[in-house]
Amino acid sequence: MPARPEPETAGTVAISSGRRTAYLVVLVVLPLLALAAAVGAAWGWGIGPRDVVIAGVMYVISIFGISVGYHRLLTHRSFKCRRPLRVGLALAGGLALQGPVTLWAAEHRRHHKYADRPGDPHSPWAYGEDWPALLRGLAHAHVGWFYTARRRSSRRHWVPDLLADPDIRRLDAAYPAIMALSFLLPATAGGLWSMSWAGFWTAMFWGGLVRYAVVHHVTWSVNSIAHTFGNREFGTRDRSGNVRWVAMLTFGEGWHNWHHAEPTCARHGVLKGQLDASAGLIRCFERAGWAYEVHWPDSRRLAARLAAGLGAGPDAGQVPPPRSVPQGVPRRAPDDA
C-alpha cells in the first residue's frame, strides 16, 4: 500500500523555475515598483479627480470580485446565484489580477485544510514564533511564497467542481485577455472622459498599474496580518484574527476569525460594529432575486460558539466536497500551476 503524501506535497504539483520567476516579477516586483512610482508621481504632479474616480471604481470592482466572487461564491460556495451574476463576479475577480479563479480557489482551499500548519501555502508561522522568525514568516505569507514555493495546489485535486463548470473553464482560458482588460478599461475610460491621450495614460497608471498594486497588498494582508494579529473571539485551530483596518480595506475579509470558524458563512463580520460590505452586497443580490441559498450566520450557533469559545474540530475549515460533477466533463484537466 503506497505511503500517504506529506501535507506539504499532498494535492500539489511541481512548478518550473521559469514560472516561479514570472510570479516573482508580476506579483512581487512590479507591484512594489508601481507603488514607488505612485509616491513619486503624487509628490511631483499629484493626481487629478478624474483619475481618483477611475482608480476608485476599479478598486471597488477588484475587491468585490475577489471577496464576493473568487472567495465567498466560488471557493466556499457561501451562496448560489444566477449564471450571469456568477460569470460577472468571476470576471470581476479576474480583473484584480490575482490569477485564474481555479488556481486562486485551489490555493485557498488548501490553506483552509492546513491553516497555520504544515501544508498551508502561506502561513506567517511557518518559521517559528520568535520575532525574527515571525518577521520572516510575515514576508513569506504576504509575498514571499509566490516565489519560494516550488509546488502549487493541484486544481484537479482541490477544485473539481470549478473545472466541471464550462463558464469557469472559458474564463480560465481567457485570463490573458482579462489581464489586458484590467489595464485597458481604466485607460479607455480616462481617454474618453478627457478626450485626450494624456487622460488615457494617466488613467492606465493610476486606475491600472497603481490600483493593481494596492489591491494585491491589501488582499494579501489577510494572509499575513490577519493570521498574526487581531482579536480571536471564536476558537479555531489556527491563528486567524480580526483586524479592523484590513476588514475596511477588503470590504469585510479582515474579519478573519469567524471566517475560519465557519468558512461557508456568507458574512464574515458577525459581531457588533464589524461592517462587512461584501455581505451587504450579497444581501442586495439576494433581495433582487439574483442570489439564493445564502449561508447566513445562525444566531443560536453563533451565540453558542461565542459563549463557549468552542475550538474547531479536526475537519473544520475545510470546504465540503462538491455534491456532484456534471456528466460529460473530462476526468483529467489541466493541472499545471
Protein backbone atom coordinates (compact mmCIF):
# COMPACT_ATOMS: atom_id res chain seq x y z
CA MET A 1 0.00 0.00 0.00
CA PRO A 2 1.60 3.32 -1.03
CA ALA A 3 2.52 5.76 1.71
CA ARG A 4 0.28 8.77 2.18
CA PRO A 5 1.89 12.01 0.95
CA GLU A 6 3.04 14.57 3.50
CA PRO A 7 0.83 17.66 3.95
CA GLU A 8 3.47 19.83 2.27
CA THR A 9 3.07 17.92 -1.01
CA ALA A 10 -0.43 16.40 -0.80
CA GLY A 11 -2.64 17.76 -3.55
CA THR A 12 0.16 19.79 -5.14
CA VAL A 13 2.05 19.88 -8.43
CA ALA A 14 5.62 20.96 -9.09
CA ILE A 15 6.21 24.20 -10.97
CA SER A 16 9.19 25.24 -13.03
CA SER A 17 11.76 27.82 -12.03
CA GLY A 18 10.68 29.91 -15.03
CA ARG A 19 7.12 30.09 -13.76
CA ARG A 20 8.34 30.95 -10.27
CA THR A 21 10.40 33.77 -11.76
CA ALA A 22 7.33 35.02 -13.62
CA TYR A 23 5.40 35.03 -10.32
CA LEU A 24 8.25 36.97 -8.72
CA VAL A 25 8.20 39.65 -11.41
CA VAL A 26 4.43 40.01 -11.86
CA LEU A 27 3.26 39.51 -8.29
CA VAL A 28 6.13 40.84 -6.20
CA VAL A 29 8.45 43.17 -8.11
CA LEU A 30 6.01 45.04 -10.38
CA PRO A 31 3.53 45.96 -7.61
CA LEU A 32 6.37 47.34 -5.47
CA LEU A 33 7.71 49.35 -8.42
CA ALA A 34 4.19 50.64 -9.13
CA LEU A 35 3.77 51.82 -5.54
CA ALA A 36 7.16 53.51 -5.58
CA ALA A 37 6.28 55.24 -8.86
CA ALA A 38 2.93 56.31 -7.40
CA VAL A 39 4.64 58.03 -4.48
CA GLY A 40 6.94 59.90 -6.85
CA ALA A 41 4.12 60.87 -9.21
CA ALA A 42 1.87 62.05 -6.40
CA TRP A 43 4.71 64.09 -4.92
CA GLY A 44 5.74 65.62 -8.23
CA TRP A 45 2.49 66.10 -10.16
CA GLY A 46 -0.33 64.97 -7.89
CA ILE A 47 -3.38 63.02 -9.00
CA GLY A 48 -6.45 64.64 -10.54
CA PRO A 49 -10.06 63.96 -9.55
CA ARG A 50 -10.73 62.06 -12.78
CA ASP A 51 -8.01 59.53 -12.04
CA VAL A 52 -9.14 59.26 -8.41
CA VAL A 53 -12.65 58.33 -9.54
CA ILE A 54 -11.46 55.81 -12.14
CA ALA A 55 -8.96 54.20 -9.77
CA GLY A 56 -11.60 54.10 -7.02
CA VAL A 57 -14.15 52.37 -9.24
CA MET A 58 -11.58 49.82 -10.40
CA TYR A 59 -10.56 49.21 -6.79
CA VAL A 60 -14.17 48.55 -5.75
CA ILE A 61 -14.73 46.18 -8.68
CA SER A 62 -11.48 44.32 -7.95
CA ILE A 63 -12.04 43.94 -4.20
CA PHE A 64 -15.67 42.83 -4.57
CA GLY A 65 -14.56 40.49 -7.37
CA ILE A 66 -12.10 38.81 -5.01
CA SER A 67 -14.16 38.89 -1.81
CA VAL A 68 -17.62 38.08 -3.19
CA GLY A 69 -16.70 36.31 -6.43
CA TYR A 70 -13.48 34.37 -6.05
CA HIS A 71 -13.74 33.86 -2.30
CA ARG A 72 -17.27 33.57 -0.93
CA LEU A 73 -19.05 32.34 -4.06
CA LEU A 74 -16.58 30.18 -5.96
CA THR A 75 -14.17 28.96 -3.27
CA HIS A 76 -16.51 28.45 -0.31
CA ARG A 77 -19.91 28.23 -2.03
CA SER A 78 -21.43 30.58 0.56
CA PHE A 79 -24.33 31.26 -1.81
CA LYS A 80 -25.64 30.36 -5.22
CA CYS A 81 -26.57 32.80 -7.95
CA ARG A 82 -27.85 33.07 -11.47
CA ARG A 83 -25.41 32.34 -14.26
CA PRO A 84 -24.88 35.96 -15.50
CA LEU A 85 -24.02 37.10 -11.96
CA ARG A 86 -21.71 34.11 -11.41
CA VAL A 87 -19.82 34.89 -14.61
CA GLY A 88 -19.76 38.60 -13.83
CA LEU A 89 -18.34 38.07 -10.34
CA ALA A 90 -15.72 35.65 -11.64
CA LEU A 91 -14.73 38.19 -14.30
CA ALA A 92 -14.51 40.95 -11.69
CA GLY A 93 -12.23 38.73 -9.62
CA GLY A 94 -10.03 38.17 -12.66
CA LEU A 95 -9.67 41.94 -13.08
CA ALA A 96 -7.89 42.00 -9.71
CA LEU A 97 -5.01 40.17 -11.44
CA GLN A 98 -4.51 37.50 -8.79
CA GLY A 99 -4.57 34.60 -11.20
CA PRO A 100 -7.24 32.39 -12.78
CA VAL A 101 -10.05 31.57 -10.38
CA THR A 102 -9.34 27.83 -10.36
CA LEU A 103 -5.78 28.36 -9.15
CA TRP A 104 -6.84 31.02 -6.63
CA ALA A 105 -9.55 28.77 -5.20
CA ALA A 106 -7.27 25.72 -5.12
CA GLU A 107 -4.64 27.57 -3.09
CA HIS A 108 -7.28 28.93 -0.73
CA ARG A 109 -8.97 25.59 -0.11
CA ARG A 110 -5.59 24.06 0.68
CA HIS A 111 -4.92 26.97 3.03
CA HIS A 112 -8.12 26.21 4.96
CA LYS A 113 -7.38 22.50 5.27
CA TYR A 114 -3.89 23.08 6.70
CA ALA A 115 -4.28 26.61 8.12
CA ASP A 116 -1.12 27.63 10.02
CA ARG A 117 0.18 24.05 9.95
CA PRO A 118 2.47 22.14 7.60
CA GLY A 119 0.81 22.18 4.21
CA ASP A 120 -0.53 25.73 4.45
CA PRO A 121 0.89 27.52 1.39
CA HIS A 122 1.21 30.90 3.16
CA SER A 123 1.23 30.77 6.95
CA PRO A 124 3.17 33.53 8.75
CA TRP A 125 4.05 30.96 11.42
CA ALA A 126 6.00 28.74 9.03
CA TYR A 127 9.41 29.55 10.53
CA GLY A 128 8.69 29.74 14.26
CA GLU A 129 7.25 32.07 16.87
CA ASP A 130 10.09 34.35 17.96
CA TRP A 131 10.22 37.82 16.40
CA PRO A 132 12.94 37.14 13.80
CA ALA A 133 11.09 34.03 12.65
CA LEU A 134 7.76 35.84 12.65
CA LEU A 135 9.09 38.75 10.59
CA ARG A 136 10.39 36.25 8.07
CA GLY A 137 7.03 34.48 8.21
CA LEU A 138 5.11 37.70 7.60
CA ALA A 139 7.18 38.38 4.48
CA HIS A 140 6.60 34.78 3.37
CA ALA A 141 2.83 34.95 3.92
CA HIS A 142 2.48 38.33 2.26
CA VAL A 143 4.51 37.91 -0.93
CA GLY A 144 7.43 35.54 -0.49
CA TRP A 145 5.56 32.28 -1.01
CA PHE A 146 4.78 33.17 -4.64
CA TYR A 147 8.47 32.70 -5.48
CA THR A 148 9.75 30.31 -2.82
CA ALA A 149 7.00 27.69 -3.23
CA ARG A 150 8.24 25.01 -5.59
CA ARG A 151 4.83 23.37 -5.62
CA ARG A 152 1.39 24.89 -6.14
CA SER A 153 -2.03 23.48 -5.38
CA SER A 154 -3.38 20.93 -7.84
CA ARG A 155 -6.54 22.24 -9.42
CA ARG A 156 -7.74 18.76 -10.27
CA HIS A 157 -7.43 17.81 -6.61
CA TRP A 158 -8.89 20.92 -4.95
CA VAL A 159 -11.43 22.40 -7.38
CA PRO A 160 -13.04 19.63 -9.47
CA ASP A 161 -16.37 21.46 -9.14
CA LEU A 162 -14.95 24.59 -10.80
CA LEU A 163 -13.20 22.61 -13.51
CA ALA A 164 -16.56 21.00 -14.26
CA ASP A 165 -18.09 24.42 -14.98
CA PRO A 166 -17.78 25.36 -18.68
CA ASP A 167 -18.04 29.08 -17.90
CA ILE A 168 -15.18 28.90 -15.42
CA ARG A 169 -13.04 26.94 -17.86
CA ARG A 170 -13.65 29.61 -20.51
CA LEU A 171 -12.68 32.37 -18.09
CA ASP A 172 -9.51 30.47 -17.18
CA ALA A 173 -8.62 30.16 -20.86
CA ALA A 174 -9.34 33.86 -21.39
CA TYR A 175 -7.27 35.01 -18.40
CA PRO A 176 -4.54 36.70 -20.53
CA ALA A 177 -7.25 38.78 -22.22
CA ILE A 178 -8.76 39.59 -18.81
CA MET A 179 -5.35 40.82 -17.67
CA ALA A 180 -5.18 43.16 -20.64
CA LEU A 181 -8.74 44.31 -19.98
CA SER A 182 -7.82 45.17 -16.40
CA PHE A 183 -5.50 47.89 -17.71
CA LEU A 184 -7.41 48.89 -20.84
CA LEU A 185 -10.73 49.52 -19.05
CA PRO A 186 -9.47 52.36 -16.84
CA ALA A 187 -7.25 53.71 -19.63
CA THR A 188 -10.13 53.84 -22.11
CA ALA A 189 -12.37 55.47 -19.51
CA GLY A 190 -9.72 58.12 -18.86
CA GLY A 191 -9.14 58.75 -22.55
CA LEU A 192 -12.84 59.12 -23.35
CA TRP A 193 -13.52 61.25 -20.27
CA SER A 194 -10.71 63.68 -21.09
CA MET A 195 -10.80 63.15 -24.87
CA SER A 196 -7.02 63.01 -24.79
CA TRP A 197 -4.14 60.55 -24.85
CA ALA A 198 -2.82 62.15 -21.66
CA GLY A 199 -6.02 61.10 -19.90
CA PHE A 200 -5.62 57.60 -21.36
CA TRP A 201 -2.12 57.17 -19.96
CA THR A 202 -2.67 58.74 -16.54
CA ALA A 203 -5.77 56.58 -16.02
CA MET A 204 -3.83 53.48 -17.05
CA PHE A 205 -1.18 54.41 -14.48
CA TRP A 206 -3.48 55.21 -11.55
CA GLY A 207 -6.50 53.06 -12.36
CA GLY A 208 -4.50 50.21 -13.84
CA LEU A 209 -0.99 49.81 -12.51
CA VAL A 210 -1.25 51.52 -9.11
CA ARG A 211 -4.70 50.08 -8.41
CA TYR A 212 -3.42 46.59 -9.21
CA ALA A 213 -0.55 47.03 -6.75
CA VAL A 214 -2.74 48.40 -3.96
CA VAL A 215 -5.37 45.66 -4.40
CA HIS A 216 -2.69 42.98 -4.18
CA HIS A 217 -1.13 44.25 -0.98
CA VAL A 218 -4.48 44.95 0.64
CA THR A 219 -5.82 41.46 -0.01
CA TRP A 220 -2.53 39.77 0.86
CA SER A 221 -2.73 41.45 4.26
CA VAL A 222 -5.44 38.92 5.09
CA ASN A 223 -2.87 36.13 4.67
CA SER A 224 -0.18 37.88 6.70
CA ILE A 225 -1.60 40.47 9.12
CA ALA A 226 -4.90 38.71 9.88
CA HIS A 227 -3.11 35.45 10.69
CA THR A 228 -0.72 37.18 13.09
CA PHE A 229 -2.61 39.96 14.87
CA GLY A 230 -6.17 40.80 15.88
CA ASN A 231 -8.85 39.57 18.25
CA ARG A 232 -9.87 35.91 18.30
CA GLU A 233 -13.32 35.67 19.82
CA PHE A 234 -14.02 32.24 18.31
CA GLY A 235 -11.94 29.16 18.93
CA THR A 236 -10.21 27.85 15.80
CA ARG A 237 -7.31 25.50 15.25
CA ASP A 238 -5.37 28.29 13.52
CA ARG A 239 -4.35 31.87 14.35
CA SER A 240 -6.89 33.75 12.28
CA GLY A 241 -7.80 37.09 13.85
CA ASN A 242 -9.96 40.15 13.28
CA VAL A 243 -8.10 43.25 12.10
CA ARG A 244 -10.37 46.27 11.59
CA TRP A 245 -8.29 48.23 9.09
CA VAL A 246 -7.78 45.13 6.94
CA ALA A 247 -11.53 44.49 7.07
CA MET A 248 -12.31 48.06 5.98
CA LEU A 249 -9.93 47.93 3.03
CA THR A 250 -11.06 44.46 1.92
CA PHE A 251 -14.80 45.05 2.38
CA GLY A 252 -15.10 42.56 5.24
CA GLU A 253 -12.38 39.98 4.57
CA GLY A 254 -10.33 41.13 7.57
CA TRP A 255 -12.94 39.73 9.98
CA HIS A 256 -11.00 36.55 9.58
CA ASN A 257 -11.59 34.72 12.85
CA TRP A 258 -15.25 33.87 12.23
CA HIS A 259 -14.45 33.02 8.62
CA HIS A 260 -12.09 30.27 9.77
CA ALA A 261 -14.62 29.13 12.36
CA GLU A 262 -17.40 28.93 9.72
CA PRO A 263 -15.80 29.07 6.24
CA THR A 264 -19.04 28.67 4.27
CA CYS A 265 -20.78 31.57 6.01
CA ALA A 266 -21.57 34.46 3.65
CA ARG A 267 -20.98 37.04 6.39
CA HIS A 268 -17.55 37.37 7.99
CA GLY A 269 -18.23 40.35 10.25
CA VAL A 270 -20.78 38.83 12.63
CA LEU A 271 -20.18 40.82 15.82
CA LYS A 272 -21.39 44.31 16.72
CA GLY A 273 -19.52 47.01 14.82
CA GLN A 274 -17.98 44.61 12.28
CA LEU A 275 -19.00 46.23 9.00
CA ASP A 276 -18.96 43.72 6.14
CA ALA A 277 -19.62 45.41 2.80
CA SER A 278 -19.27 42.14 0.89
CA ALA A 279 -22.05 40.55 2.94
CA GLY A 280 -24.14 43.66 2.27
CA LEU A 281 -23.66 43.24 -1.47
CA ILE A 282 -24.66 39.57 -1.26
CA ARG A 283 -27.78 40.64 0.67
CA CYS A 284 -28.63 43.06 -2.15
CA PHE A 285 -28.23 40.28 -4.70
CA GLU A 286 -30.48 38.05 -2.60
CA ARG A 287 -33.22 40.69 -2.31
CA ALA A 288 -33.07 41.28 -6.06
CA GLY A 289 -33.59 37.55 -6.65
CA TRP A 290 -30.14 37.11 -8.21
CA ALA A 291 -28.65 35.12 -5.30
CA TYR A 292 -30.23 32.29 -3.31
CA GLU A 293 -29.42 29.59 -0.75
CA VAL A 294 -27.23 32.12 1.06
CA HIS A 295 -25.50 30.73 4.13
CA TRP A 296 -26.19 33.45 6.68
CA PRO A 297 -24.93 33.01 10.26
CA ASP A 298 -27.19 31.02 12.56
CA SER A 299 -27.83 33.16 15.65
CA ARG A 300 -28.01 30.24 18.07
CA ARG A 301 -24.85 28.62 16.74
CA LEU A 302 -23.08 31.98 16.75
CA ALA A 303 -24.09 32.69 20.36
CA ALA A 304 -23.06 29.22 21.48
CA ARG A 305 -19.65 29.41 19.86
CA LEU A 306 -19.07 32.90 21.19
CA ALA A 307 -20.10 31.99 24.74
CA ALA A 308 -18.25 28.70 24.88
CA GLY A 309 -15.22 29.66 22.81
CA LEU A 310 -15.53 26.32 21.06
CA GLY A 311 -12.39 25.05 19.34
CA ALA A 312 -12.66 23.83 15.80
CA GLY A 313 -12.93 20.13 15.15
CA PRO A 314 -10.41 18.17 13.09
CA ASP A 315 -12.28 18.84 9.85
CA ALA A 316 -13.27 22.44 10.49
CA GLY A 317 -12.18 24.94 7.92
CA GLN A 318 -12.37 22.50 5.05
CA VAL A 319 -14.58 23.12 2.04
CA PRO A 320 -17.27 20.46 1.73
CA PRO A 321 -16.82 18.23 -1.32
CA PRO A 322 -18.86 19.06 -4.42
CA ARG A 323 -22.30 17.44 -4.38
CA SER A 324 -21.81 16.14 -7.89
CA VAL A 325 -19.81 16.58 -11.07
CA PRO A 326 -21.87 17.04 -14.23
CA GLN A 327 -21.82 14.26 -16.76
CA GLY A 328 -19.62 14.63 -19.82
CA VAL A 329 -16.83 16.54 -18.08
CA PRO A 330 -13.35 15.18 -18.77
CA ARG A 331 -11.90 13.43 -15.76
CA ARG A 332 -8.48 14.89 -16.38
CA ALA A 333 -7.97 18.61 -16.58
CA PRO A 334 -5.02 20.98 -16.92
CA ASP A 335 -3.16 20.71 -13.65
CA ASP A 336 -0.19 22.99 -14.06
CA ALA A 337 0.01 25.97 -11.75
